[in-house]
Amino acid sequence: MGAFRFRKEERLSRKKTIDSLFDKGASFTISPLKIIFAPAEDGHGTSQVLITVPSRNFKKAVDRNTLKRRIREAYRLNKSVLAASMRLCIAYIYIAREILPSAVIHKAVRSSLERLNTYEKKS
């Protein structure tokens, strides 16, 4: 049961790490998400995730929170797809201009995690 939790240690919150991620990280897009990732520099045992929804596209905080909750839930349920040995910093940015159903977001998050697995195998 503990495998499906989304703990505090899995949330990306250090400003230095976030700045490094956006400066040096690689990115790709799987609609409706843009994914930015980089290898974790500090000694965290798990991958860390940052989820953001721009207020430019969604003026109401209720809409932004709904989308963040859906992305967080999709990551929580599908993080087992990512190899346990991988330690990445990942940023999910919601780029669509409308609120899409949870199924679409789940599919995008799952395919992004599968793509991150293949990225790690190449390097």
PDB file of N, CA and C in Angstrom:
ATOM      1  N   MET A   1       0.813  -1.199   0.000  1.00  0.00           N
ATOM      2  CA  MET A   1       0.000   0.000   0.000  1.00  0.00           C
ATOM      3  C   MET A   1       0.854   1.260   0.000  1.00  0.00           C
ATOM      4  N   GLY A   2       2.034   1.200   0.600  1.00  0.00           N
ATOM      5  CA  GLY A   2       2.892   2.369   0.704  1.00  0.00           C
ATOM      6  C   GLY A   2       3.493   2.803  -0.625  1.00  0.00           C
ATOM      7  N   ALA A   3       3.444   1.943  -1.653  1.00  0.00           N
ATOM      8  CA  ALA A   3       4.045   2.278  -2.939  1.00  0.00           C
ATOM      9  C   ALA A   3       3.295   3.397  -3.651  1.00  0.00           C
ATOM     10  N   PHE A   4       2.036   3.594  -3.342  1.00  0.00           N
ATOM     11  CA  PHE A   4       1.231   4.587  -4.041  1.00  0.00           C
ATOM     12  C   PHE A   4       1.142   5.920  -3.320  1.00  0.00           C
ATOM     13  N   ARG A   5       2.012   6.133  -2.343  1.00  0.00           N
ATOM     14  CA  ARG A   5       1.978   7.387  -1.600  1.00  0.00           C
ATOM     15  C   ARG A   5       2.810   8.440  -2.329  1.00  0.00           C
ATOM     16  N   PHE A   6       2.495   9.695  -2.052  1.00  0.00           N
ATOM     17  CA  PHE A   6       3.250  10.809  -2.610  1.00  0.00           C
ATOM     18  C   PHE A   6       3.772  11.622  -1.431  1.00  0.00           C
ATOM     19  N   ARG A   7       4.950  11.273  -0.963  1.00  0.00           N
ATOM     20  CA  ARG A   7       5.500  11.834   0.259  1.00  0.00           C
ATOM     21  C   ARG A   7       6.161  13.191   0.024  1.00  0.00           C
ATOM     22  N   LYS A   8       6.427  13.870   1.108  1.00  0.00           N
ATOM     23  CA  LYS A   8       7.087  15.172   1.082  1.00  0.00           C
ATOM     24  C   LYS A   8       8.455  15.085   0.397  1.00  0.00           C
ATOM     25  N   GLU A   9       9.182  13.984   0.605  1.00  0.00           N
ATOM     26  CA  GLU A   9      10.509  13.822   0.018  1.00  0.00           C
ATOM     27  C   GLU A   9      10.456  13.761  -1.510  1.00  0.00           C
ATOM     28  N   GLU A  10       9.289  13.442  -2.061  1.00  0.00           N
ATOM     29  CA  GLU A  10       9.150  13.337  -3.510  1.00  0.00           C
ATOM     30  C   GLU A  10       8.780  14.664  -4.159  1.00  0.00           C
ATOM     31  N   ARG A  11       8.531  15.674  -3.368  1.00  0.00           N
ATOM     32  CA  ARG A  11       8.163  16.981  -3.904  1.00  0.00           C
ATOM     33  C   ARG A  11       9.409  17.834  -4.054  1.00  0.00           C
ATOM     34  N   LEU A  12       9.544  18.452  -5.187  1.00  0.00           N
ATOM     35  CA  LEU A  12      10.688  19.298  -5.458  1.00  0.00           C
ATOM     36  C   LEU A  12      10.391  20.688  -4.920  1.00  0.00           C
ATOM     37  N   SER A  13      11.186  21.145  -3.941  1.00  0.00           N
ATOM     38  CA  SER A  13      10.874  22.414  -3.312  1.00  0.00           C
ATOM     39  C   SER A  13      12.082  23.330  -3.118  1.00  0.00           C
ATOM     40  N   ARG A  14      13.307  22.807  -3.235  1.00  0.00           N
ATOM     41  CA  ARG A  14      14.490  23.652  -3.036  1.00  0.00           C
ATOM     42  C   ARG A  14      14.678  24.591  -4.223  1.00  0.00           C
ATOM     43  N   LYS A  15      14.799  25.877  -3.954  1.00  0.00           N
ATOM     44  CA  LYS A  15      14.932  26.876  -5.013  1.00  0.00           C
ATOM     45  C   LYS A  15      16.171  26.626  -5.866  1.00  0.00           C
ATOM     46  N   LYS A  16      17.271  26.260  -5.236  1.00  0.00           N
ATOM     47  CA  LYS A  16      18.512  26.004  -5.966  1.00  0.00           C
ATOM     48  C   LYS A  16      18.337  24.840  -6.948  1.00  0.00           C
ATOM     49  N   THR A  17      17.675  23.789  -6.511  1.00  0.00           N
ATOM     50  CA  THR A  17      17.443  22.628  -7.366  1.00  0.00           C
ATOM     51  C   THR A  17      16.491  22.959  -8.509  1.00  0.00           C
ATOM     52  N   ILE A  18      15.461  23.745  -8.209  1.00  0.00           N
ATOM     53  CA  ILE A  18      14.500  24.145  -9.239  1.00  0.00           C
ATOM     54  C   ILE A  18      15.182  25.008 -10.293  1.00  0.00           C
ATOM     55  N   ASP A  19      15.994  25.973  -9.855  1.00  0.00           N
ATOM     56  CA  ASP A  19      16.720  26.823 -10.801  1.00  0.00           C
ATOM     57  C   ASP A  19      17.651  25.994 -11.677  1.00  0.00           C
ATOM     58  N   SER A  20      18.330  25.037 -11.074  1.00  0.00           N
ATOM     59  CA  SER A  20      19.228  24.159 -11.818  1.00  0.00           C
ATOM     60  C   SER A  20      18.445  23.323 -12.837  1.00  0.00           C
ATOM     61  N   LEU A  21      17.293  22.847 -12.441  1.00  0.00           N
ATOM     62  CA  LEU A  21      16.452  22.048 -13.339  1.00  0.00           C
ATOM     63  C   LEU A  21      16.051  22.852 -14.566  1.00  0.00           C
ATOM     64  N   PHE A  22      15.597  24.079 -14.375  1.00  0.00           N
ATOM     65  CA  PHE A  22      15.143  24.886 -15.497  1.00  0.00           C
ATOM     66  C   PHE A  22      16.310  25.412 -16.333  1.00  0.00           C
ATOM     67  N   ASP A  23      17.498  25.562 -15.742  1.00  0.00           N
ATOM     68  CA  ASP A  23      18.663  26.032 -16.499  1.00  0.00           C
ATOM     69  C   ASP A  23      19.317  24.919 -17.314  1.00  0.00           C
ATOM     70  N   LYS A  24      19.514  23.756 -16.698  1.00  0.00           N
ATOM     71  CA  LYS A  24      20.312  22.696 -17.303  1.00  0.00           C
ATOM     72  C   LYS A  24      19.509  21.500 -17.777  1.00  0.00           C
ATOM     73  N   GLY A  25      18.214  21.466 -17.488  1.00  0.00           N
ATOM     74  CA  GLY A  25      17.415  20.290 -17.791  1.00  0.00           C
ATOM     75  C   GLY A  25      17.029  20.175 -19.249  1.00  0.00           C
ATOM     76  N   ALA A  26      16.780  18.948 -19.670  1.00  0.00           N
ATOM     77  CA  ALA A  26      16.263  18.662 -21.005  1.00  0.00           C
ATOM     78  C   ALA A  26      14.735  18.632 -20.930  1.00  0.00           C
ATOM     79  N   SER A  27      14.086  18.774 -22.074  1.00  0.00           N
ATOM     80  CA  SER A  27      12.621  18.793 -22.048  1.00  0.00           C
ATOM     81  C   SER A  27      12.038  18.102 -23.269  1.00  0.00           C
ATOM     82  N   PHE A  28      10.797  17.715 -23.136  1.00  0.00           N
ATOM     83  CA  PHE A  28       9.998  17.199 -24.234  1.00  0.00           C
ATOM     84  C   PHE A  28       8.538  17.476 -23.906  1.00  0.00           C
ATOM     85  N   THR A  29       7.685  17.347 -24.910  1.00  0.00           N
ATOM     86  CA  THR A  29       6.270  17.655 -24.743  1.00  0.00           C
ATOM     87  C   THR A  29       5.431  16.441 -25.104  1.00  0.00           C
ATOM     88  N   ILE A  30       4.528  16.111 -24.222  1.00  0.00           N
ATOM     89  CA  ILE A  30       3.480  15.128 -24.495  1.00  0.00           C
ATOM     90  C   ILE A  30       2.188  15.841 -24.122  1.00  0.00           C
ATOM     91  N   SER A  31       1.422  16.184 -25.117  1.00  0.00           N
ATOM     92  CA  SER A  31       0.234  16.998 -24.887  1.00  0.00           C
ATOM     93  C   SER A  31      -0.661  16.343 -23.836  1.00  0.00           C
ATOM     94  N   PRO A  32      -1.131  17.053 -22.860  1.00  0.00           N
ATOM     95  CA  PRO A  32      -1.138  18.484 -22.563  1.00  0.00           C
ATOM     96  C   PRO A  32      -0.025  18.920 -21.606  1.00  0.00           C
ATOM     97  N   LEU A  33       1.092  18.182 -21.530  1.00  0.00           N
ATOM     98  CA  LEU A  33       2.139  18.483 -20.555  1.00  0.00           C
ATOM     99  C   LEU A  33       3.463  18.752 -21.241  1.00  0.00           C
ATOM    100  N   LYS A  34       4.225  19.656 -20.646  1.00  0.00           N
ATOM    101  CA  LYS A  34       5.627  19.832 -20.999  1.00  0.00           C
ATOM    102  C   LYS A  34       6.417  19.284 -19.819  1.00  0.00           C
ATOM    103  N   ILE A  35       7.395  18.436 -20.111  1.00  0.00           N
ATOM    104  CA  ILE A  35       8.167  17.784 -19.068  1.00  0.00           C
ATOM    105  C   ILE A  35       9.606  18.255 -19.164  1.00  0.00           C
ATOM    106  N   ILE A  36      10.133  18.759 -18.059  1.00  0.00           N
ATOM    107  CA  ILE A  36      11.528  19.154 -17.963  1.00  0.00           C
ATOM    108  C   ILE A  36      12.161  18.240 -16.919  1.00  0.00           C
ATOM    109  N   PHE A  37      13.328  17.678 -17.247  1.00  0.00           N
ATOM    110  CA  PHE A  37      13.948  16.732 -16.328  1.00  0.00           C
ATOM    111  C   PHE A  37      15.460  16.887 -16.337  1.00  0.00           C
ATOM    112  N   ALA A  38      16.056  16.487 -15.240  1.00  0.00           N
ATOM    113  CA  ALA A  38      17.507  16.488 -15.085  1.00  0.00           C
ATOM    114  C   ALA A  38      17.862  15.464 -14.005  1.00  0.00           C
ATOM    115  N   PRO A  39      19.063  14.928 -14.054  1.00  0.00           N
ATOM    116  CA  PRO A  39      19.482  14.019 -12.982  1.00  0.00           C
ATOM    117  C   PRO A  39      19.532  14.759 -11.648  1.00  0.00           C
ATOM    118  N   ALA A  40      19.152  14.090 -10.590  1.00  0.00           N
ATOM    119  CA  ALA A  40      19.162  14.705  -9.260  1.00  0.00           C
ATOM    120  C   ALA A  40      20.603  14.900  -8.809  1.00  0.00           C
ATOM    121  N   GLU A  41      20.900  16.092  -8.291  1.00  0.00           N
ATOM    122  CA  GLU A  41      22.265  16.412  -7.879  1.00  0.00           C
ATOM    123  C   GLU A  41      22.506  16.103  -6.408  1.00  0.00           C
ATOM    124  N   ASP A  42      21.499  16.337  -5.579  1.00  0.00           N
ATOM    125  CA  ASP A  42      21.692  16.124  -4.144  1.00  0.00           C
ATOM    126  C   ASP A  42      21.353  14.681  -3.769  1.00  0.00           C
ATOM    127  N   GLY A  43      21.511  14.341  -2.522  1.00  0.00           N
ATOM    128  CA  GLY A  43      21.429  12.960  -2.077  1.00  0.00           C
ATOM    129  C   GLY A  43      20.051  12.434  -1.757  1.00  0.00           C
ATOM    130  N   HIS A  44      19.025  12.781  -2.520  1.00  0.00           N
ATOM    131  CA  HIS A  44      17.695  12.222  -2.270  1.00  0.00           C
ATOM    132  C   HIS A  44      17.608  10.822  -2.847  1.00  0.00           C
ATOM    133  N   GLY A  45      16.909   9.955  -2.150  1.00  0.00           N
ATOM    134  CA  GLY A  45      16.802   8.565  -2.562  1.00  0.00           C
ATOM    135  C   GLY A  45      15.793   8.321  -3.663  1.00  0.00           C
ATOM    136  N   THR A  46      14.884   9.263  -3.892  1.00  0.00           N
ATOM    137  CA  THR A  46      13.846   9.075  -4.897  1.00  0.00           C
ATOM    138  C   THR A  46      13.838  10.242  -5.872  1.00  0.00           C
ATOM    139  N   SER A  47      13.106  10.072  -6.946  1.00  0.00           N
ATOM    140  CA  SER A  47      12.919  11.175  -7.881  1.00  0.00           C
ATOM    141  C   SER A  47      12.028  12.226  -7.233  1.00  0.00           C
ATOM    142  N   GLN A  48      12.242  13.475  -7.629  1.00  0.00           N
ATOM    143  CA  GLN A  48      11.438  14.566  -7.090  1.00  0.00           C
ATOM    144  C   GLN A  48      10.660  15.221  -8.216  1.00  0.00           C
ATOM    145  N   VAL A  49       9.456  15.688  -7.899  1.00  0.00           N
ATOM    146  CA  VAL A  49       8.547  16.201  -8.909  1.00  0.00           C
ATOM    147  C   VAL A  49       8.058  17.593  -8.533  1.00  0.00           C
ATOM    148  N   LEU A  50       7.962  18.448  -9.545  1.00  0.00           N
ATOM    149  CA  LEU A  50       7.386  19.778  -9.425  1.00  0.00           C
ATOM    150  C   LEU A  50       6.227  19.849 -10.407  1.00  0.00           C
ATOM    151  N   ILE A  51       5.079  20.316  -9.965  1.00  0.00           N
ATOM    152  CA  ILE A  51       3.894  20.405 -10.818  1.00  0.00           C
ATOM    153  C   ILE A  51       3.437  21.850 -10.844  1.00  0.00           C
ATOM    154  N   THR A  52       3.263  22.390 -12.055  1.00  0.00           N
ATOM    155  CA  THR A  52       2.843  23.780 -12.164  1.00  0.00           C
ATOM    156  C   THR A  52       1.813  23.960 -13.270  1.00  0.00           C
ATOM    157  N   VAL A  53       0.881  24.862 -13.010  1.00  0.00           N
ATOM    158  CA  VAL A  53      -0.138  25.241 -13.983  1.00  0.00           C
ATOM    159  C   VAL A  53      -0.108  26.765 -14.064  1.00  0.00           C
ATOM    160  N   PRO A  54       0.183  27.339 -15.228  1.00  0.00           N
ATOM    161  CA  PRO A  54       0.346  28.791 -15.321  1.00  0.00           C
ATOM    162  C   PRO A  54      -0.956  29.560 -15.072  1.00  0.00           C
ATOM    163  N   SER A  55      -0.845  30.604 -14.286  1.00  0.00           N
ATOM    164  CA  SER A  55      -2.017  31.447 -14.019  1.00  0.00           C
ATOM    165  C   SER A  55      -2.362  32.289 -15.238  1.00  0.00           C
ATOM    166  N   ARG A  56      -1.455  32.379 -16.196  1.00  0.00           N
ATOM    167  CA  ARG A  56      -1.748  33.103 -17.432  1.00  0.00           C
ATOM    168  C   ARG A  56      -2.860  32.391 -18.213  1.00  0.00           C
ATOM    169  N   ASN A  57      -2.870  31.058 -18.154  1.00  0.00           N
ATOM    170  CA  ASN A  57      -3.870  30.285 -18.884  1.00  0.00           C
ATOM    171  C   ASN A  57      -5.138  30.034 -18.072  1.00  0.00           C
ATOM    172  N   PHE A  58      -4.991  29.958 -16.748  1.00  0.00           N
ATOM    173  CA  PHE A  58      -6.132  29.678 -15.877  1.00  0.00           C
ATOM    174  C   PHE A  58      -6.162  30.725 -14.771  1.00  0.00           C
ATOM    175  N   LYS A  59      -7.060  31.665 -14.890  1.00  0.00           N
ATOM    176  CA  LYS A  59      -7.108  32.790 -13.953  1.00  0.00           C
ATOM    177  C   LYS A  59      -7.608  32.376 -12.570  1.00  0.00           C
ATOM    178  N   LYS A  60      -8.503  31.400 -12.526  1.00  0.00           N
ATOM    179  CA  LYS A  60      -9.085  30.996 -11.245  1.00  0.00           C
ATOM    180  C   LYS A  60      -8.212  29.954 -10.562  1.00  0.00           C
ATOM    181  N   ALA A  61      -7.907  30.192  -9.296  1.00  0.00           N
ATOM    182  CA  ALA A  61      -7.083  29.269  -8.522  1.00  0.00           C
ATOM    183  C   ALA A  61      -7.741  27.898  -8.411  1.00  0.00           C
ATOM    184  N   VAL A  62      -9.055  27.863  -8.406  1.00  0.00           N
ATOM    185  CA  VAL A  62      -9.783  26.591  -8.322  1.00  0.00           C
ATOM    186  C   VAL A  62      -9.432  25.703  -9.515  1.00  0.00           C
ATOM    187  N   ASP A  63      -9.355  26.303 -10.710  1.00  0.00           N
ATOM    188  CA  ASP A  63      -9.017  25.539 -11.910  1.00  0.00           C
ATOM    189  C   ASP A  63      -7.565  25.057 -11.862  1.00  0.00           C
ATOM    190  N   ARG A  64      -6.660  25.918 -11.441  1.00  0.00           N
ATOM    191  CA  ARG A  64      -5.250  25.533 -11.339  1.00  0.00           C
ATOM    192  C   ARG A  64      -5.066  24.400 -10.336  1.00  0.00           C
ATOM    193  N   ASN A  65      -5.736  24.513  -9.190  1.00  0.00           N
ATOM    194  CA  ASN A  65      -5.622  23.474  -8.162  1.00  0.00           C
ATOM    195  C   ASN A  65      -6.208  22.150  -8.628  1.00  0.00           C
ATOM    196  N   THR A  66      -7.295  22.205  -9.375  1.00  0.00           N
ATOM    197  CA  THR A  66      -7.899  20.987  -9.917  1.00  0.00           C
ATOM    198  C   THR A  66      -6.923  20.274 -10.843  1.00  0.00           C
ATOM    199  N   LEU A  67      -6.288  21.031 -11.724  1.00  0.00           N
ATOM    200  CA  LEU A  67      -5.348  20.428 -12.666  1.00  0.00           C
ATOM    201  C   LEU A  67      -4.113  19.887 -11.952  1.00  0.00           C
ATOM    202  N   LYS A  68      -3.609  20.627 -10.972  1.00  0.00           N
ATOM    203  CA  LYS A  68      -2.453  20.142 -10.215  1.00  0.00           C
ATOM    204  C   LYS A  68      -2.792  18.862  -9.465  1.00  0.00           C
ATOM    205  N   ARG A  69      -3.992  18.802  -8.915  1.00  0.00           N
ATOM    206  CA  ARG A  69      -4.432  17.609  -8.198  1.00  0.00           C
ATOM    207  C   ARG A  69      -4.508  16.414  -9.152  1.00  0.00           C
ATOM    208  N   ARG A  70      -4.988  16.637 -10.367  1.00  0.00           N
ATOM    209  CA  ARG A  70      -5.087  15.549 -11.341  1.00  0.00           C
ATOM    210  C   ARG A  70      -3.714  15.059 -11.780  1.00  0.00           C
ATOM    211  N   ILE A  71      -2.778  15.978 -11.991  1.00  0.00           N
ATOM    212  CA  ILE A  71      -1.425  15.586 -12.386  1.00  0.00           C
ATOM    213  C   ILE A  71      -0.748  14.840 -11.241  1.00  0.00           C
ATOM    214  N   ARG A  72      -0.900  15.341 -10.033  1.00  0.00           N
ATOM    215  CA  ARG A  72      -0.307  14.706  -8.857  1.00  0.00           C
ATOM    216  C   ARG A  72      -0.836  13.281  -8.685  1.00  0.00           C
ATOM    217  N   GLU A  73      -2.131  13.101  -8.865  1.00  0.00           N
ATOM    218  CA  GLU A  73      -2.749  11.781  -8.736  1.00  0.00           C
ATOM    219  C   GLU A  73      -2.237  10.848  -9.835  1.00  0.00           C
ATOM    220  N   ALA A  74      -2.102  11.357 -11.044  1.00  0.00           N
ATOM    221  CA  ALA A  74      -1.599  10.538 -12.146  1.00  0.00           C
ATOM    222  C   ALA A  74      -0.167  10.099 -11.875  1.00  0.00           C
ATOM    223  N   TYR A  75       0.651  10.999 -11.363  1.00  0.00           N
ATOM    224  CA  TYR A  75       2.036  10.636 -11.035  1.00  0.00           C
ATOM    225  C   TYR A  75       2.061   9.617  -9.898  1.00  0.00           C
ATOM    226  N   ARG A  76       1.258   9.836  -8.883  1.00  0.00           N
ATOM    227  CA  ARG A  76       1.228   8.947  -7.728  1.00  0.00           C
ATOM    228  C   ARG A  76       0.892   7.514  -8.139  1.00  0.00           C
ATOM    229  N   LEU A  77      -0.059   7.361  -9.040  1.00  0.00           N
ATOM    230  CA  LEU A  77      -0.488   6.029  -9.448  1.00  0.00           C
ATOM    231  C   LEU A  77       0.459   5.374 -10.451  1.00  0.00           C
ATOM    232  N   ASN A  78       1.219   6.179 -11.206  1.00  0.00           N
ATOM    233  CA  ASN A  78       2.047   5.627 -12.272  1.00  0.00           C
ATOM    234  C   ASN A  78       3.545   5.720 -12.011  1.00  0.00           C
ATOM    235  N   LYS A  79       3.956   6.203 -10.859  1.00  0.00           N
ATOM    236  CA  LYS A  79       5.390   6.378 -10.605  1.00  0.00           C
ATOM    237  C   LYS A  79       6.146   5.058 -10.564  1.00  0.00           C
ATOM    238  N   SER A  80       5.443   3.944 -10.394  1.00  0.00           N
ATOM    239  CA  SER A  80       6.101   2.648 -10.392  1.00  0.00           C
ATOM    240  C   SER A  80       6.644   2.288 -11.782  1.00  0.00           C
ATOM    241  N   VAL A  81       6.171   2.968 -12.829  1.00  0.00           N
ATOM    242  CA  VAL A  81       6.682   2.751 -14.179  1.00  0.00           C
ATOM    243  C   VAL A  81       8.139   3.195 -14.262  1.00  0.00           C
ATOM    244  N   LEU A  82       8.484   4.241 -13.536  1.00  0.00           N
ATOM    245  CA  LEU A  82       9.846   4.756 -13.493  1.00  0.00           C
ATOM    246  C   LEU A  82      10.729   3.774 -12.730  1.00  0.00           C
ATOM    247  N   ALA A  83      11.899   3.501 -13.263  1.00  0.00           N
ATOM    248  CA  ALA A  83      12.805   2.544 -12.614  1.00  0.00           C
ATOM    249  C   ALA A  83      13.164   3.026 -11.210  1.00  0.00           C
ATOM    250  N   ALA A  84      13.214   2.105 -10.276  1.00  0.00           N
ATOM    251  CA  ALA A  84      13.472   2.455  -8.879  1.00  0.00           C
ATOM    252  C   ALA A  84      14.867   3.034  -8.680  1.00  0.00           C
ATOM    253  N   SER A  85      15.807   2.658  -9.530  1.00  0.00           N
ATOM    254  CA  SER A  85      17.176   3.143  -9.387  1.00  0.00           C
ATOM    255  C   SER A  85      17.359   4.562  -9.929  1.00  0.00           C
ATOM    256  N   MET A  86      16.391   5.057 -10.678  1.00  0.00           N
ATOM    257  CA  MET A  86      16.515   6.394 -11.272  1.00  0.00           C
ATOM    258  C   MET A  86      16.270   7.471 -10.235  1.00  0.00           C
ATOM    259  N   ARG A  87      17.106   8.485 -10.271  1.00  0.00           N
ATOM    260  CA  ARG A  87      16.937   9.640  -9.397  1.00  0.00           C
ATOM    261  C   ARG A  87      16.923  10.878 -10.281  1.00  0.00           C
ATOM    262  N   LEU A  88      15.731  11.366 -10.571  1.00  0.00           N
ATOM    263  CA  LEU A  88      15.558  12.510 -11.454  1.00  0.00           C
ATOM    264  C   LEU A  88      14.817  13.633 -10.748  1.00  0.00           C
ATOM    265  N   CYS A  89      15.022  14.835 -11.229  1.00  0.00           N
ATOM    266  CA  CYS A  89      14.170  15.970 -10.885  1.00  0.00           C
ATOM    267  C   CYS A  89      13.288  16.198 -12.105  1.00  0.00           C
ATOM    268  N   ILE A  90      11.991  16.203 -11.897  1.00  0.00           N
ATOM    269  CA  ILE A  90      11.038  16.297 -13.001  1.00  0.00           C
ATOM    270  C   ILE A  90      10.087  17.455 -12.746  1.00  0.00           C
ATOM    271  N   ALA A  91       9.837  18.268 -13.774  1.00  0.00           N
ATOM    272  CA  ALA A  91       8.839  19.337 -13.690  1.00  0.00           C
ATOM    273  C   ALA A  91       7.759  19.057 -14.723  1.00  0.00           C
ATOM    274  N   TYR A  92       6.522  19.017 -14.276  1.00  0.00           N
ATOM    275  CA  TYR A  92       5.376  18.880 -15.165  1.00  0.00           C
ATOM    276  C   TYR A  92       4.722  20.254 -15.283  1.00  0.00           C
ATOM    277  N   ILE A  93       4.628  20.758 -16.512  1.00  0.00           N
ATOM    278  CA  ILE A  93       3.990  22.041 -16.759  1.00  0.00           C
ATOM    279  C   ILE A  93       2.783  21.782 -17.653  1.00  0.00           C
ATOM    280  N   TYR A  94       1.621  22.189 -17.198  1.00  0.00           N
ATOM    281  CA  TYR A  94       0.386  21.984 -17.952  1.00  0.00           C
ATOM    282  C   TYR A  94       0.292  23.078 -19.005  1.00  0.00           C
ATOM    283  N   ILE A  95       0.279  22.722 -20.296  1.00  0.00           N
ATOM    284  CA  ILE A  95       0.328  23.730 -21.353  1.00  0.00           C
ATOM    285  C   ILE A  95      -0.980  23.883 -22.134  1.00  0.00           C
ATOM    286  N   ALA A  96      -1.941  23.004 -21.929  1.00  0.00           N
ATOM    287  CA  ALA A  96      -3.216  23.134 -22.631  1.00  0.00           C
ATOM    288  C   ALA A  96      -3.985  24.335 -22.087  1.00  0.00           C
ATOM    289  N   ARG A  97      -4.904  24.843 -22.869  1.00  0.00           N
ATOM    290  CA  ARG A  97      -5.654  26.030 -22.460  1.00  0.00           C
ATOM    291  C   ARG A  97      -7.042  25.710 -21.902  1.00  0.00           C
ATOM    292  N   GLU A  98      -7.385  24.412 -21.876  1.00  0.00           N
ATOM    293  CA  GLU A  98      -8.661  24.012 -21.294  1.00  0.00           C
ATOM    294  C   GLU A  98      -8.423  22.870 -20.313  1.00  0.00           C
ATOM    295  N   ILE A  99      -9.383  22.661 -19.446  1.00  0.00           N
ATOM    296  CA  ILE A  99      -9.287  21.591 -18.457  1.00  0.00           C
ATOM    297  C   ILE A  99      -9.669  20.278 -19.135  1.00  0.00           C
ATOM    298  N   LEU A 100      -8.707  19.378 -19.216  1.00  0.00           N
ATOM    299  CA  LEU A 100      -8.941  18.094 -19.860  1.00  0.00           C
ATOM    300  C   LEU A 100      -9.305  17.036 -18.826  1.00  0.00           C
ATOM    301  N   PRO A 101      -9.973  15.958 -19.246  1.00  0.00           N
ATOM    302  CA  PRO A 101     -10.359  14.900 -18.309  1.00  0.00           C
ATOM    303  C   PRO A 101      -9.132  14.209 -17.706  1.00  0.00           C
ATOM    304  N   SER A 102      -9.342  13.606 -16.564  1.00  0.00           N
ATOM    305  CA  SER A 102      -8.267  12.919 -15.851  1.00  0.00           C
ATOM    306  C   SER A 102      -7.640  11.808 -16.681  1.00  0.00           C
ATOM    307  N   ALA A 103      -8.426  11.128 -17.487  1.00  0.00           N
ATOM    308  CA  ALA A 103      -7.903  10.014 -18.287  1.00  0.00           C
ATOM    309  C   ALA A 103      -6.818  10.489 -19.253  1.00  0.00           C
ATOM    310  N   VAL A 104      -6.999  11.648 -19.834  1.00  0.00           N
ATOM    311  CA  VAL A 104      -6.008  12.204 -20.765  1.00  0.00           C
ATOM    312  C   VAL A 104      -4.719  12.540 -20.021  1.00  0.00           C
ATOM    313  N   ILE A 105      -4.858  13.114 -18.841  1.00  0.00           N
ATOM    314  CA  ILE A 105      -3.692  13.478 -18.042  1.00  0.00           C
ATOM    315  C   ILE A 105      -2.961  12.230 -17.570  1.00  0.00           C
ATOM    316  N   HIS A 106      -3.695  11.204 -17.139  1.00  0.00           N
ATOM    317  CA  HIS A 106      -3.079   9.948 -16.704  1.00  0.00           C
ATOM    318  C   HIS A 106      -2.266   9.326 -17.842  1.00  0.00           C
ATOM    319  N   LYS A 107      -2.829   9.336 -19.028  1.00  0.00           N
ATOM    320  CA  LYS A 107      -2.147   8.753 -20.190  1.00  0.00           C
ATOM    321  C   LYS A 107      -0.862   9.524 -20.504  1.00  0.00           C
ATOM    322  N   ALA A 108      -0.918  10.851 -20.430  1.00  0.00           N
ATOM    323  CA  ALA A 108       0.259  11.676 -20.712  1.00  0.00           C
ATOM    324  C   ALA A 108       1.357  11.462 -19.669  1.00  0.00           C
ATOM    325  N   VAL A 109       0.976  11.392 -18.400  1.00  0.00           N
ATOM    326  CA  VAL A 109       1.966  11.183 -17.336  1.00  0.00           C
ATOM    327  C   VAL A 109       2.602   9.803 -17.475  1.00  0.00           C
ATOM    328  N   ARG A 110       1.799   8.795 -17.748  1.00  0.00           N
ATOM    329  CA  ARG A 110       2.343   7.438 -17.895  1.00  0.00           C
ATOM    330  C   ARG A 110       3.318   7.364 -19.071  1.00  0.00           C
ATOM    331  N   SER A 111       2.949   7.935 -20.205  1.00  0.00           N
ATOM    332  CA  SER A 111       3.856   7.884 -21.359  1.00  0.00           C
ATOM    333  C   SER A 111       5.111   8.707 -21.111  1.00  0.00           C
ATOM    334  N   SER A 112       5.005   9.781 -20.335  1.00  0.00           N
ATOM    335  CA  SER A 112       6.203  10.568 -20.024  1.00  0.00           C
ATOM    336  C   SER A 112       7.152   9.767 -19.141  1.00  0.00           C
ATOM    337  N   LEU A 113       6.613   9.026 -18.177  1.00  0.00           N
ATOM    338  CA  LEU A 113       7.462   8.201 -17.318  1.00  0.00           C
ATOM    339  C   LEU A 113       8.121   7.071 -18.106  1.00  0.00           C
ATOM    340  N   GLU A 114       7.392   6.491 -19.052  1.00  0.00           N
ATOM    341  CA  GLU A 114       7.975   5.458 -19.911  1.00  0.00           C
ATOM    342  C   GLU A 114       9.090   6.048 -20.767  1.00  0.00           C
ATOM    343  N   ARG A 115       8.882   7.254 -21.263  1.00  0.00           N
ATOM    344  CA  ARG A 115       9.910   7.915 -22.066  1.00  0.00           C
ATOM    345  C   ARG A 115      11.144   8.254 -21.221  1.00  0.00           C
ATOM    346  N   LEU A 116      10.934   8.651 -19.985  1.00  0.00           N
ATOM    347  CA  LEU A 116      12.061   8.929 -19.090  1.00  0.00           C
ATOM    348  C   LEU A 116      12.861   7.652 -18.815  1.00  0.00           C
ATOM    349  N   ASN A 117      12.194   6.517 -18.755  1.00  0.00           N
ATOM    350  CA  ASN A 117      12.891   5.235 -18.574  1.00  0.00           C
ATOM    351  C   ASN A 117      13.811   4.945 -19.759  1.00  0.00           C
ATOM    352  N   THR A 118      13.316   5.179 -20.968  1.00  0.00           N
ATOM    353  CA  THR A 118      14.144   4.929 -22.159  1.00  0.00           C
ATOM    354  C   THR A 118      15.278   5.930 -22.239  1.00  0.00           C
ATOM    355  N   TYR A 119      15.064   7.145 -21.769  1.00  0.00           N
ATOM    356  CA  TYR A 119      16.130   8.150 -21.763  1.00  0.00           C
ATOM    357  C   TYR A 119      17.286   7.682 -20.887  1.00  0.00           C
ATOM    358  N   GLU A 120      16.971   7.153 -19.720  1.00  0.00           N
ATOM    359  CA  GLU A 120      18.004   6.726 -18.787  1.00  0.00           C
ATOM    360  C   GLU A 120      18.790   5.540 -19.346  1.00  0.00           C
ATOM    361  N   LYS A 121      18.135   4.667 -20.101  1.00  0.00           N
ATOM    362  CA  LYS A 121      18.813   3.513 -20.665  1.00  0.00           C
ATOM    363  C   LYS A 121      19.797   3.923 -21.752  1.00  0.00           C
ATOM    364  N   LYS A 122      19.496   5.029 -22.485  1.00  0.00           N
ATOM    365  CA  LYS A 122      20.381   5.495 -23.544  1.00  0.00           C
ATOM    366  C   LYS A 122      21.672   6.064 -22.997  1.00  0.00           C
ATOM    367  N   SER A 123      21.584   6.798 -21.908  1.00  0.00           N
ATOM    368  CA  SER A 123      22.783   7.491 -21.402  1.00  0.00           C
ATOM    369  C   SER A 123      23.602   6.665 -20.450  1.00  0.00           C
TER     370      SER A 123
END
